[in-house]
Amino acid sequence: MAYDGKVMRRALQAFEEDRRTREAREARRREDIFRQAPRLREIERELRTAMGRLVTVTFRRGTDPAEEVARLRVENLRLQRERRDLLERLGLPEDCLEERPACPLCGDTGYRDGGVCRCLRGYYAREQQRELSRMLDLGGQSFDTFSLEWYSDRVEPGERRSARSHMEERVYNSCAEFAHRFGRRFENLLFFGAPGLGKTHLSAAIAREVSGAGWSVVYDTAGHVFRVFEDEKFSREEAGEDVERVLRCDLLILDDLGTELTTAFVQSALYEIVNTRLVERRSTILSTNLMPNELGRRYSPQIASRIEGEYQLLPFVGEDIRRLKRERQGPLF
């Protein structure tokens, strides 16, 4: 699983802010208890001092520490009993002065067993959802809100099934399966078809599911990504990290492919993206208004060959949904 550096920095910042807030709240709670019973503060200090002395005695060379260790243990038990009695009089549990981390797995460090703990992964997932929401309507565009009623259920002459049947069986089901089994299989998708047929909606639905499971997802338009690659070519430091995000994220969704001005540099950048991600087995979704045969003419036969050989091709069909919605709403006046 790869992590987006920019998103992880924001996740770590939120994680640390929440940890500091919890620590401050716990400190205020303890201070309130100490104000009610000042002796408790002294007991806590004496217990820490006794523990330090116990460690010192245990590792002191040349002497038998048994007698001193036994004495310190007796003193420790006496202090614990006194503390317990004071807390009981206040109606408080015996462990109320203990510092308990919010995450017992990592002790609120965010890392466990050499990897990212699930508590920090939760912060990462939320920050990534915010990042994706800047360009996608993750709240409104999901698999549950994808309506097939906008696609005709009439079978046109020469066709074997209706647009609605095709979009449900071929497109919607493929996208849902891609999202639900992400990480278990290496897959790539090519969305193609006229504007207004639901490509962005299903892109958002997939991004929502995959990012919600903790995988790193980058959604961007082809035009902007190619400009980032061009900036990186001229050694602009901030662009280098953005290029790495595009190449190394778990899922890249590249939208509006074919709307940019196609140059030799764009062809080279697209080849690098497609080829690098295939070699490293990182999933990609390309979304375009172009037909597959047009990709070869616009970019290169090598790019088209890789896409046609390694991507599942999903043709979007039907009528422009945005236009249908406007017509259904009728005139405003």
C-alpha atoms as a PDB file:
ATOM      1  CA  MET A   1       0.000   0.000   0.000  1.00  0.00           C
ATOM      2  CA  ALA A   2       1.430   3.367  -1.028  1.00  0.00           C
ATOM      3  CA  TYR A   3       0.844   6.615   0.846  1.00  0.00           C
ATOM      4  CA  ASP A   4       0.527  10.030  -0.769  1.00  0.00           C
ATOM      5  CA  GLY A   5       3.151  12.247   0.895  1.00  0.00           C
ATOM      6  CA  LYS A   6       1.038  15.412   0.802  1.00  0.00           C
ATOM      7  CA  VAL A   7      -2.015  13.676   2.200  1.00  0.00           C
ATOM      8  CA  MET A   8       0.015  11.864   4.887  1.00  0.00           C
ATOM      9  CA  ARG A   9       1.536  15.145   6.094  1.00  0.00           C
ATOM     10  CA  ARG A  10      -1.938  16.587   6.590  1.00  0.00           C
ATOM     11  CA  ALA A  11      -3.066  13.355   8.282  1.00  0.00           C
ATOM     12  CA  LEU A  12      -0.077  13.480  10.659  1.00  0.00           C
ATOM     13  CA  GLN A  13      -0.789  17.108  11.463  1.00  0.00           C
ATOM     14  CA  ALA A  14      -4.425  16.311  12.345  1.00  0.00           C
ATOM     15  CA  PHE A  15      -3.289  13.223  14.280  1.00  0.00           C
ATOM     16  CA  GLU A  16      -0.796  15.241  16.355  1.00  0.00           C
ATOM     17  CA  GLU A  17      -3.290  18.056  16.994  1.00  0.00           C
ATOM     18  CA  ASP A  18      -5.835  15.563  18.314  1.00  0.00           C
ATOM     19  CA  ARG A  19      -3.190  13.847  20.458  1.00  0.00           C
ATOM     20  CA  ARG A  20      -2.126  17.170  21.998  1.00  0.00           C
ATOM     21  CA  THR A  21      -5.778  18.059  22.621  1.00  0.00           C
ATOM     22  CA  ARG A  22      -6.357  14.736  24.400  1.00  0.00           C
ATOM     23  CA  GLU A  23      -3.196  15.164  26.488  1.00  0.00           C
ATOM     24  CA  ALA A  24      -4.231  18.674  27.517  1.00  0.00           C
ATOM     25  CA  ARG A  25      -7.718  17.437  28.423  1.00  0.00           C
ATOM     26  CA  GLU A  26      -6.256  14.590  30.492  1.00  0.00           C
ATOM     27  CA  ALA A  27      -3.867  16.982  32.228  1.00  0.00           C
ATOM     28  CA  ARG A  28      -6.787  19.254  33.180  1.00  0.00           C
ATOM     29  CA  ARG A  29      -8.749  16.264  34.488  1.00  0.00           C
ATOM     30  CA  ARG A  30      -5.822  15.115  36.643  1.00  0.00           C
ATOM     31  CA  GLU A  31      -5.266  18.632  37.955  1.00  0.00           C
ATOM     32  CA  ASP A  32      -8.927  18.791  38.976  1.00  0.00           C
ATOM     33  CA  ILE A  33      -8.486  15.570  40.979  1.00  0.00           C
ATOM     34  CA  PHE A  34      -5.286  16.873  42.604  1.00  0.00           C
ATOM     35  CA  ARG A  35      -7.079  20.056  43.655  1.00  0.00           C
ATOM     36  CA  GLN A  36      -9.695  17.947  45.428  1.00  0.00           C
ATOM     37  CA  ALA A  37      -7.032  15.854  47.176  1.00  0.00           C
ATOM     38  CA  PRO A  38      -3.534  17.465  47.106  1.00  0.00           C
ATOM     39  CA  ARG A  39      -2.045  14.405  48.811  1.00  0.00           C
ATOM     40  CA  LEU A  40      -2.661  12.462  45.572  1.00  0.00           C
ATOM     41  CA  ARG A  41      -0.129  14.646  43.756  1.00  0.00           C
ATOM     42  CA  GLU A  42       2.457  13.879  46.421  1.00  0.00           C
ATOM     43  CA  ILE A  43       1.728  10.150  46.188  1.00  0.00           C
ATOM     44  CA  GLU A  44       2.161  10.198  42.418  1.00  0.00           C
ATOM     45  CA  ARG A  45       5.512  11.965  42.835  1.00  0.00           C
ATOM     46  CA  GLU A  46       6.644   9.513  45.522  1.00  0.00           C
ATOM     47  CA  LEU A  47       5.659   6.509  43.377  1.00  0.00           C
ATOM     48  CA  ARG A  48       7.739   7.817  40.475  1.00  0.00           C
ATOM     49  CA  THR A  49      10.686   8.431  42.789  1.00  0.00           C
ATOM     50  CA  ALA A  50      10.384   4.943  44.260  1.00  0.00           C
ATOM     51  CA  MET A  51      10.360   3.405  40.803  1.00  0.00           C
ATOM     52  CA  GLY A  52      13.543   5.281  39.883  1.00  0.00           C
ATOM     53  CA  ARG A  53      15.249   4.129  43.060  1.00  0.00           C
ATOM     54  CA  LEU A  54      14.161   0.539  42.377  1.00  0.00           C
ATOM     55  CA  VAL A  55      15.788   0.621  38.953  1.00  0.00           C
ATOM     56  CA  THR A  56      18.979   2.133  40.382  1.00  0.00           C
ATOM     57  CA  VAL A  57      19.230  -0.449  43.173  1.00  0.00           C
ATOM     58  CA  THR A  58      18.543  -3.360  40.837  1.00  0.00           C
ATOM     59  CA  PHE A  59      21.445  -2.475  38.538  1.00  0.00           C
ATOM     60  CA  ARG A  60      23.927  -1.307  41.215  1.00  0.00           C
ATOM     61  CA  ARG A  61      27.137  -3.329  41.097  1.00  0.00           C
ATOM     62  CA  GLY A  62      28.896  -4.915  44.052  1.00  0.00           C
ATOM     63  CA  THR A  63      25.967  -5.051  46.486  1.00  0.00           C
ATOM     64  CA  ASP A  64      23.058  -7.397  47.162  1.00  0.00           C
ATOM     65  CA  PRO A  65      19.937  -5.401  46.258  1.00  0.00           C
ATOM     66  CA  ALA A  66      17.420  -7.901  47.685  1.00  0.00           C
ATOM     67  CA  GLU A  67      16.832  -6.143  51.027  1.00  0.00           C
ATOM     68  CA  GLU A  68      16.502  -2.683  49.508  1.00  0.00           C
ATOM     69  CA  VAL A  69      14.232  -4.002  46.707  1.00  0.00           C
ATOM     70  CA  ALA A  70      11.960  -5.638  49.269  1.00  0.00           C
ATOM     71  CA  ARG A  71      11.771  -2.415  51.300  1.00  0.00           C
ATOM     72  CA  LEU A  72      10.938  -0.350  48.205  1.00  0.00           C
ATOM     73  CA  ARG A  73       8.214  -2.804  47.204  1.00  0.00           C
ATOM     74  CA  VAL A  74       6.602  -2.524  50.624  1.00  0.00           C
ATOM     75  CA  GLU A  75       6.726   1.266  50.340  1.00  0.00           C
ATOM     76  CA  ASN A  76       5.249   1.102  46.851  1.00  0.00           C
ATOM     77  CA  LEU A  77       2.327  -1.060  47.976  1.00  0.00           C
ATOM     78  CA  ARG A  78       1.657   1.284  50.916  1.00  0.00           C
ATOM     79  CA  LEU A  79       1.500   4.299  48.605  1.00  0.00           C
ATOM     80  CA  GLN A  80      -0.800   2.461  46.192  1.00  0.00           C
ATOM     81  CA  ARG A  81      -3.176   1.573  49.053  1.00  0.00           C
ATOM     82  CA  GLU A  82      -3.228   5.161  50.255  1.00  0.00           C
ATOM     83  CA  ARG A  83      -3.941   6.382  46.741  1.00  0.00           C
ATOM     84  CA  ARG A  84      -6.730   3.848  46.297  1.00  0.00           C
ATOM     85  CA  ASP A  85      -8.358   4.889  49.571  1.00  0.00           C
ATOM     86  CA  LEU A  86      -8.232   8.599  48.677  1.00  0.00           C
ATOM     87  CA  LEU A  87      -9.761   7.989  45.254  1.00  0.00           C
ATOM     88  CA  GLU A  88     -12.458   5.804  46.777  1.00  0.00           C
ATOM     89  CA  ARG A  89     -13.450   8.653  49.096  1.00  0.00           C
ATOM     90  CA  LEU A  90     -13.787  10.905  46.042  1.00  0.00           C
ATOM     91  CA  GLY A  91     -15.952   8.305  44.330  1.00  0.00           C
ATOM     92  CA  LEU A  92     -13.369   7.783  41.594  1.00  0.00           C
ATOM     93  CA  PRO A  93     -12.072   4.508  40.071  1.00  0.00           C
ATOM     94  CA  GLU A  94      -8.655   3.243  41.092  1.00  0.00           C
ATOM     95  CA  ASP A  95      -7.140   3.747  37.622  1.00  0.00           C
ATOM     96  CA  CYS A  96      -8.471   7.257  36.977  1.00  0.00           C
ATOM     97  CA  LEU A  97      -4.999   8.837  37.271  1.00  0.00           C
ATOM     98  CA  GLU A  98      -3.409   6.475  34.762  1.00  0.00           C
ATOM     99  CA  GLU A  99      -2.483   7.870  31.334  1.00  0.00           C
ATOM    100  CA  ARG A 100      -4.361   5.786  28.769  1.00  0.00           C
ATOM    101  CA  PRO A 101      -3.625   6.240  25.050  1.00  0.00           C
ATOM    102  CA  ALA A 102      -6.550   6.576  22.649  1.00  0.00           C
ATOM    103  CA  CYS A 103      -5.040   3.738  20.600  1.00  0.00           C
ATOM    104  CA  PRO A 104      -3.768   0.842  22.735  1.00  0.00           C
ATOM    105  CA  LEU A 105      -2.196  -0.789  19.669  1.00  0.00           C
ATOM    106  CA  CYS A 106       0.443   1.889  19.058  1.00  0.00           C
ATOM    107  CA  GLY A 107       0.294   4.016  22.210  1.00  0.00           C
ATOM    108  CA  ASP A 108      -0.743   7.032  20.113  1.00  0.00           C
ATOM    109  CA  THR A 109       2.473   6.998  18.074  1.00  0.00           C
ATOM    110  CA  GLY A 110       0.668   6.230  14.797  1.00  0.00           C
ATOM    111  CA  TYR A 111       3.065   3.398  13.951  1.00  0.00           C
ATOM    112  CA  ARG A 112       3.082  -0.286  14.865  1.00  0.00           C
ATOM    113  CA  ASP A 113       5.208  -3.282  13.851  1.00  0.00           C
ATOM    114  CA  GLY A 114       7.197  -1.184  11.401  1.00  0.00           C
ATOM    115  CA  GLY A 115       4.101   0.115   9.596  1.00  0.00           C
ATOM    116  CA  VAL A 116       1.287   2.642   9.869  1.00  0.00           C
ATOM    117  CA  CYS A 117      -1.179   1.831  12.642  1.00  0.00           C
ATOM    118  CA  ARG A 118      -4.871   1.590  11.795  1.00  0.00           C
ATOM    119  CA  CYS A 119      -5.587   4.717  13.872  1.00  0.00           C
ATOM    120  CA  LEU A 120      -3.338   6.845  11.640  1.00  0.00           C
ATOM    121  CA  ARG A 121      -4.704   5.086   8.549  1.00  0.00           C
ATOM    122  CA  GLY A 122      -8.109   6.388   9.589  1.00  0.00           C
ATOM    123  CA  TYR A 123      -6.781   9.951   9.622  1.00  0.00           C
ATOM    124  CA  TYR A 124      -5.153   9.337   6.247  1.00  0.00           C
ATOM    125  CA  ALA A 125      -8.415   8.066   4.745  1.00  0.00           C
ATOM    126  CA  ARG A 126     -10.318  11.139   5.977  1.00  0.00           C
ATOM    127  CA  GLU A 127      -7.700  13.556   4.623  1.00  0.00           C
ATOM    128  CA  GLN A 128      -7.679  11.757   1.294  1.00  0.00           C
ATOM    129  CA  GLN A 129     -11.460  12.016   1.069  1.00  0.00           C
ATOM    130  CA  ARG A 130     -11.142  15.769   1.625  1.00  0.00           C
ATOM    131  CA  GLU A 131      -8.477  15.947  -1.102  1.00  0.00           C
ATOM    132  CA  LEU A 132     -10.642  14.050  -3.586  1.00  0.00           C
ATOM    133  CA  SER A 133     -13.733  16.073  -2.669  1.00  0.00           C
ATOM    134  CA  ARG A 134     -12.069  19.183  -4.059  1.00  0.00           C
ATOM    135  CA  MET A 135     -12.566  17.787  -7.563  1.00  0.00           C
ATOM    136  CA  LEU A 136     -15.238  15.114  -7.125  1.00  0.00           C
ATOM    137  CA  ASP A 137     -18.654  15.097  -5.490  1.00  0.00           C
ATOM    138  CA  LEU A 138     -17.916  12.168  -3.206  1.00  0.00           C
ATOM    139  CA  GLY A 139     -20.950  12.945  -1.090  1.00  0.00           C
ATOM    140  CA  GLY A 140     -23.448  12.832  -3.949  1.00  0.00           C
ATOM    141  CA  GLN A 141     -21.741  10.575  -6.479  1.00  0.00           C
ATOM    142  CA  SER A 142     -21.649   7.002  -5.209  1.00  0.00           C
ATOM    143  CA  PHE A 143     -22.674   3.572  -6.443  1.00  0.00           C
ATOM    144  CA  ASP A 144     -25.933   3.947  -4.497  1.00  0.00           C
ATOM    145  CA  THR A 145     -26.832   7.229  -6.216  1.00  0.00           C
ATOM    146  CA  PHE A 146     -25.967   6.090  -9.749  1.00  0.00           C
ATOM    147  CA  SER A 147     -29.385   5.992 -11.439  1.00  0.00           C
ATOM    148  CA  LEU A 148     -29.970   3.783 -14.459  1.00  0.00           C
ATOM    149  CA  GLU A 149     -33.274   5.485 -15.220  1.00  0.00           C
ATOM    150  CA  TRP A 150     -31.452   8.043 -17.371  1.00  0.00           C
ATOM    151  CA  TYR A 151     -30.550   5.313 -19.862  1.00  0.00           C
ATOM    152  CA  SER A 152     -33.135   4.105 -22.344  1.00  0.00           C
ATOM    153  CA  ASP A 153     -34.520   0.598 -21.866  1.00  0.00           C
ATOM    154  CA  ARG A 154     -35.440   0.382 -25.547  1.00  0.00           C
ATOM    155  CA  VAL A 155     -33.411  -1.950 -27.754  1.00  0.00           C
ATOM    156  CA  GLU A 156     -32.399  -0.004 -30.858  1.00  0.00           C
ATOM    157  CA  PRO A 157     -32.429  -1.659 -34.310  1.00  0.00           C
ATOM    158  CA  GLY A 158     -29.257  -3.661 -34.820  1.00  0.00           C
ATOM    159  CA  GLU A 159     -28.480  -3.796 -31.088  1.00  0.00           C
ATOM    160  CA  ARG A 160     -28.785  -6.838 -28.820  1.00  0.00           C
ATOM    161  CA  ARG A 161     -29.625  -4.961 -25.643  1.00  0.00           C
ATOM    162  CA  SER A 162     -30.727  -1.548 -24.440  1.00  0.00           C
ATOM    163  CA  ALA A 163     -28.450   1.236 -23.228  1.00  0.00           C
ATOM    164  CA  ARG A 164     -29.783   0.662 -19.703  1.00  0.00           C
ATOM    165  CA  SER A 165     -28.981  -3.041 -19.797  1.00  0.00           C
ATOM    166  CA  HIS A 166     -25.502  -2.355 -21.204  1.00  0.00           C
ATOM    167  CA  MET A 167     -24.731   0.298 -18.566  1.00  0.00           C
ATOM    168  CA  GLU A 168     -25.884  -1.940 -15.749  1.00  0.00           C
ATOM    169  CA  GLU A 169     -24.389  -5.273 -16.812  1.00  0.00           C
ATOM    170  CA  ARG A 170     -21.246  -4.161 -18.590  1.00  0.00           C
ATOM    171  CA  VAL A 171     -20.299  -0.846 -17.000  1.00  0.00           C
ATOM    172  CA  TYR A 172     -21.835  -0.411 -13.537  1.00  0.00           C
ATOM    173  CA  ASN A 173     -21.178  -3.992 -12.407  1.00  0.00           C
ATOM    174  CA  SER A 174     -17.580  -3.881 -13.682  1.00  0.00           C
ATOM    175  CA  CYS A 175     -16.928  -0.629 -11.796  1.00  0.00           C
ATOM    176  CA  ALA A 176     -18.494  -1.945  -8.579  1.00  0.00           C
ATOM    177  CA  GLU A 177     -16.443  -5.147  -8.759  1.00  0.00           C
ATOM    178  CA  PHE A 178     -13.277  -3.160  -9.469  1.00  0.00           C
ATOM    179  CA  ALA A 179     -13.838  -1.037  -6.346  1.00  0.00           C
ATOM    180  CA  HIS A 180     -14.865  -3.867  -4.042  1.00  0.00           C
ATOM    181  CA  ARG A 181     -11.971  -6.176  -4.889  1.00  0.00           C
ATOM    182  CA  PHE A 182      -9.341  -3.452  -5.200  1.00  0.00           C
ATOM    183  CA  GLY A 183      -6.019  -4.633  -3.833  1.00  0.00           C
ATOM    184  CA  ARG A 184      -6.798  -8.276  -4.419  1.00  0.00           C
ATOM    185  CA  ARG A 185      -6.455  -8.087  -8.195  1.00  0.00           C
ATOM    186  CA  PHE A 186      -4.443  -5.859 -10.502  1.00  0.00           C
ATOM    187  CA  GLU A 187      -6.890  -4.226 -12.905  1.00  0.00           C
ATOM    188  CA  ASN A 188      -7.126  -1.130 -15.096  1.00  0.00           C
ATOM    189  CA  LEU A 189     -10.145   0.500 -16.702  1.00  0.00           C
ATOM    190  CA  LEU A 190     -10.704   2.678 -19.769  1.00  0.00           C
ATOM    191  CA  PHE A 191     -13.911   4.744 -19.681  1.00  0.00           C
ATOM    192  CA  PHE A 192     -14.824   6.076 -23.116  1.00  0.00           C
ATOM    193  CA  GLY A 193     -17.864   7.673 -24.668  1.00  0.00           C
ATOM    194  CA  ALA A 194     -19.528  11.024 -25.271  1.00  0.00           C
ATOM    195  CA  PRO A 195     -19.750  13.646 -22.488  1.00  0.00           C
ATOM    196  CA  GLY A 196     -22.573  13.443 -19.959  1.00  0.00           C
ATOM    197  CA  LEU A 197     -22.912   9.659 -19.767  1.00  0.00           C
ATOM    198  CA  GLY A 198     -21.779   9.073 -16.175  1.00  0.00           C
ATOM    199  CA  LYS A 199     -18.008   8.636 -16.449  1.00  0.00           C
ATOM    200  CA  THR A 200     -17.265  11.187 -13.724  1.00  0.00           C
ATOM    201  CA  HIS A 201     -19.997   9.810 -11.447  1.00  0.00           C
ATOM    202  CA  LEU A 202     -18.580   6.276 -11.540  1.00  0.00           C
ATOM    203  CA  SER A 203     -15.023   7.629 -11.197  1.00  0.00           C
ATOM    204  CA  ALA A 204     -16.128   9.361  -7.985  1.00  0.00           C
ATOM    205  CA  ALA A 205     -17.900   6.215  -6.767  1.00  0.00           C
ATOM    206  CA  ILE A 206     -14.750   4.143  -7.257  1.00  0.00           C
ATOM    207  CA  ALA A 207     -12.531   6.810  -5.662  1.00  0.00           C
ATOM    208  CA  ARG A 208     -14.857   6.952  -2.667  1.00  0.00           C
ATOM    209  CA  GLU A 209     -14.804   3.192  -2.099  1.00  0.00           C
ATOM    210  CA  VAL A 210     -11.090   2.663  -2.697  1.00  0.00           C
ATOM    211  CA  SER A 211      -9.890   5.663  -0.674  1.00  0.00           C
ATOM    212  CA  GLY A 212     -12.305   4.789   2.115  1.00  0.00           C
ATOM    213  CA  ALA A 213     -10.544   1.427   2.393  1.00  0.00           C
ATOM    214  CA  GLY A 214      -7.251   3.244   3.011  1.00  0.00           C
ATOM    215  CA  TRP A 215      -5.660   3.027  -0.451  1.00  0.00           C
ATOM    216  CA  SER A 216      -4.014   6.103  -1.939  1.00  0.00           C
ATOM    217  CA  VAL A 217      -6.031   7.598  -4.789  1.00  0.00           C
ATOM    218  CA  VAL A 218      -5.119  10.499  -7.067  1.00  0.00           C
ATOM    219  CA  TYR A 219      -7.822  11.996  -9.285  1.00  0.00           C
ATOM    220  CA  ASP A 220      -6.843  14.706 -11.759  1.00  0.00           C
ATOM    221  CA  THR A 221      -7.451  15.914 -15.277  1.00  0.00           C
ATOM    222  CA  ALA A 222      -5.036  14.865 -17.981  1.00  0.00           C
ATOM    223  CA  GLY A 223      -4.305  18.475 -18.893  1.00  0.00           C
ATOM    224  CA  HIS A 224      -3.229  19.375 -15.364  1.00  0.00           C
ATOM    225  CA  VAL A 225      -1.145  16.223 -14.940  1.00  0.00           C
ATOM    226  CA  PHE A 226       0.729  16.893 -18.168  1.00  0.00           C
ATOM    227  CA  ARG A 227       1.461  20.452 -17.014  1.00  0.00           C
ATOM    228  CA  VAL A 228       2.855  19.026 -13.763  1.00  0.00           C
ATOM    229  CA  PHE A 229       5.131  16.698 -15.738  1.00  0.00           C
ATOM    230  CA  GLU A 230       6.283  19.659 -17.815  1.00  0.00           C
ATOM    231  CA  ASP A 231       7.031  21.677 -14.666  1.00  0.00           C
ATOM    232  CA  GLU A 232       9.038  18.760 -13.319  1.00  0.00           C
ATOM    233  CA  LYS A 233      11.045  18.706 -16.541  1.00  0.00           C
ATOM    234  CA  PHE A 234      12.192  22.238 -15.734  1.00  0.00           C
ATOM    235  CA  SER A 235      13.278  21.120 -12.236  1.00  0.00           C
ATOM    236  CA  ARG A 236      10.569  22.870 -10.271  1.00  0.00           C
ATOM    237  CA  GLU A 237      10.895  21.242  -6.872  1.00  0.00           C
ATOM    238  CA  GLU A 238       7.215  21.136  -5.940  1.00  0.00           C
ATOM    239  CA  ALA A 239       6.353  19.471  -9.255  1.00  0.00           C
ATOM    240  CA  GLY A 240       8.657  16.519  -8.550  1.00  0.00           C
ATOM    241  CA  GLU A 241       6.526  15.388  -5.622  1.00  0.00           C
ATOM    242  CA  ASP A 242       3.352  15.736  -7.687  1.00  0.00           C
ATOM    243  CA  VAL A 243       4.843  13.557 -10.422  1.00  0.00           C
ATOM    244  CA  GLU A 244       5.677  10.921  -7.817  1.00  0.00           C
ATOM    245  CA  ARG A 245       2.086  11.072  -6.577  1.00  0.00           C
ATOM    246  CA  VAL A 246       0.820  10.324 -10.088  1.00  0.00           C
ATOM    247  CA  LEU A 247       3.257   7.490 -10.711  1.00  0.00           C
ATOM    248  CA  ARG A 248       3.222   5.800  -7.274  1.00  0.00           C
ATOM    249  CA  CYS A 249      -0.329   6.113  -5.899  1.00  0.00           C
ATOM    250  CA  ASP A 250      -2.323   2.900  -5.546  1.00  0.00           C
ATOM    251  CA  LEU A 251      -5.019   4.155  -7.925  1.00  0.00           C
ATOM    252  CA  LEU A 252      -4.710   6.927 -10.501  1.00  0.00           C
ATOM    253  CA  ILE A 253      -7.875   8.281 -12.137  1.00  0.00           C
ATOM    254  CA  LEU A 254      -6.907  10.392 -15.153  1.00  0.00           C
ATOM    255  CA  ASP A 255      -9.916  12.315 -16.449  1.00  0.00           C
ATOM    256  CA  ASP A 256     -10.598  14.197 -19.685  1.00  0.00           C
ATOM    257  CA  LEU A 257      -7.842  12.466 -21.629  1.00  0.00           C
ATOM    258  CA  GLY A 258      -7.823  13.892 -25.144  1.00  0.00           C
ATOM    259  CA  THR A 259      -8.987  17.420 -24.308  1.00  0.00           C
ATOM    260  CA  GLU A 260      -5.414  18.687 -23.921  1.00  0.00           C
ATOM    261  CA  LEU A 261      -3.210  19.996 -26.724  1.00  0.00           C
ATOM    262  CA  THR A 262      -1.375  16.896 -27.909  1.00  0.00           C
ATOM    263  CA  THR A 263       2.363  17.412 -28.329  1.00  0.00           C
ATOM    264  CA  ALA A 264       5.399  15.148 -28.424  1.00  0.00           C
ATOM    265  CA  PHE A 265       5.940  15.920 -24.730  1.00  0.00           C
ATOM    266  CA  VAL A 266       2.348  14.943 -23.866  1.00  0.00           C
ATOM    267  CA  GLN A 267       2.757  11.677 -25.776  1.00  0.00           C
ATOM    268  CA  SER A 268       5.956  10.962 -23.861  1.00  0.00           C
ATOM    269  CA  ALA A 269       4.384  11.818 -20.496  1.00  0.00           C
ATOM    270  CA  LEU A 270       1.338   9.626 -21.127  1.00  0.00           C
ATOM    271  CA  TYR A 271       3.578   6.737 -22.157  1.00  0.00           C
ATOM    272  CA  GLU A 272       5.597   7.154 -18.945  1.00  0.00           C
ATOM    273  CA  ILE A 273       2.438   7.154 -16.833  1.00  0.00           C
ATOM    274  CA  VAL A 274       0.840   4.151 -18.523  1.00  0.00           C
ATOM    275  CA  ASN A 275       4.012   2.090 -18.813  1.00  0.00           C
ATOM    276  CA  THR A 276       5.417   2.843 -15.333  1.00  0.00           C
ATOM    277  CA  ARG A 277       2.179   1.994 -13.626  1.00  0.00           C
ATOM    278  CA  LEU A 278       1.774  -1.221 -15.625  1.00  0.00           C
ATOM    279  CA  VAL A 279       5.312  -2.335 -14.805  1.00  0.00           C
ATOM    280  CA  GLU A 280       4.818  -1.561 -11.097  1.00  0.00           C
ATOM    281  CA  ARG A 281       1.299  -3.072 -11.166  1.00  0.00           C
ATOM    282  CA  ARG A 282      -0.457   0.046  -9.921  1.00  0.00           C
ATOM    283  CA  SER A 283      -4.051   0.369 -11.099  1.00  0.00           C
ATOM    284  CA  THR A 284      -5.173   3.182 -13.405  1.00  0.00           C
ATOM    285  CA  ILE A 285      -8.480   4.442 -14.740  1.00  0.00           C
ATOM    286  CA  LEU A 286      -8.381   6.520 -17.918  1.00  0.00           C
ATOM    287  CA  SER A 287     -11.492   8.499 -18.835  1.00  0.00           C
ATOM    288  CA  THR A 288     -11.886   9.997 -22.303  1.00  0.00           C
ATOM    289  CA  ASN A 289     -14.403  11.156 -24.893  1.00  0.00           C
ATOM    290  CA  LEU A 290     -12.263   9.495 -27.570  1.00  0.00           C
ATOM    291  CA  MET A 291     -12.853   6.078 -29.063  1.00  0.00           C
ATOM    292  CA  PRO A 292     -10.065   3.495 -28.479  1.00  0.00           C
ATOM    293  CA  ASN A 293      -8.937   3.631 -32.124  1.00  0.00           C
ATOM    294  CA  GLU A 294      -8.525   7.412 -31.808  1.00  0.00           C
ATOM    295  CA  LEU A 295      -6.067   6.981 -28.928  1.00  0.00           C
ATOM    296  CA  GLY A 296      -3.563   5.335 -31.253  1.00  0.00           C
ATOM    297  CA  ARG A 297      -3.832   8.153 -33.790  1.00  0.00           C
ATOM    298  CA  ARG A 298      -3.642  10.942 -31.208  1.00  0.00           C
ATOM    299  CA  TYR A 299      -0.887   9.509 -29.015  1.00  0.00           C
ATOM    300  CA  SER A 300       0.955   6.469 -30.374  1.00  0.00           C
ATOM    301  CA  PRO A 301       0.332   2.851 -31.402  1.00  0.00           C
ATOM    302  CA  GLN A 302       2.496   1.735 -28.450  1.00  0.00           C
ATOM    303  CA  ILE A 303       0.261   3.533 -25.939  1.00  0.00           C
ATOM    304  CA  ALA A 304      -2.908   2.259 -27.602  1.00  0.00           C
ATOM    305  CA  SER A 305      -1.520  -1.283 -27.601  1.00  0.00           C
ATOM    306  CA  ARG A 306      -0.776  -1.194 -23.887  1.00  0.00           C
ATOM    307  CA  ILE A 307      -4.192   0.222 -23.074  1.00  0.00           C
ATOM    308  CA  GLU A 308      -6.096  -2.241 -25.243  1.00  0.00           C
ATOM    309  CA  GLY A 309      -4.031  -5.149 -23.937  1.00  0.00           C
ATOM    310  CA  GLU A 310      -3.983  -4.321 -20.221  1.00  0.00           C
ATOM    311  CA  TYR A 311      -7.176  -2.320 -19.620  1.00  0.00           C
ATOM    312  CA  GLN A 312     -10.791  -3.394 -19.455  1.00  0.00           C
ATOM    313  CA  LEU A 313     -12.559  -1.243 -22.052  1.00  0.00           C
ATOM    314  CA  LEU A 314     -15.902   0.136 -20.833  1.00  0.00           C
ATOM    315  CA  PRO A 315     -17.939   2.021 -23.451  1.00  0.00           C
ATOM    316  CA  PHE A 316     -20.443   4.506 -21.962  1.00  0.00           C
ATOM    317  CA  VAL A 317     -23.596   4.805 -24.089  1.00  0.00           C
ATOM    318  CA  GLY A 318     -26.910   6.654 -24.026  1.00  0.00           C
ATOM    319  CA  GLU A 319     -28.006  10.269 -24.137  1.00  0.00           C
ATOM    320  CA  ASP A 320     -26.399  13.245 -22.390  1.00  0.00           C
ATOM    321  CA  ILE A 321     -27.738  12.992 -18.820  1.00  0.00           C
ATOM    322  CA  ARG A 322     -27.061  16.659 -18.077  1.00  0.00           C
ATOM    323  CA  ARG A 323     -29.238  17.646 -21.039  1.00  0.00           C
ATOM    324  CA  LEU A 324     -31.963  15.195 -20.009  1.00  0.00           C
ATOM    325  CA  LYS A 325     -31.997  16.652 -16.498  1.00  0.00           C
ATOM    326  CA  ARG A 326     -32.327  20.190 -17.847  1.00  0.00           C
ATOM    327  CA  GLU A 327     -35.191  19.126 -20.081  1.00  0.00           C
ATOM    328  CA  ARG A 328     -36.950  17.380 -17.211  1.00  0.00           C
ATOM    329  CA  GLN A 329     -36.670  20.456 -15.006  1.00  0.00           C
ATOM    330  CA  GLY A 330     -38.269  22.594 -17.728  1.00  0.00           C
ATOM    331  CA  PRO A 331     -37.957  26.382 -18.120  1.00  0.00           C
ATOM    332  CA  LEU A 332     -37.143  28.388 -14.995  1.00  0.00           C
ATOM    333  CA  PHE A 333     -39.636  31.150 -15.902  1.00  0.00           C
END
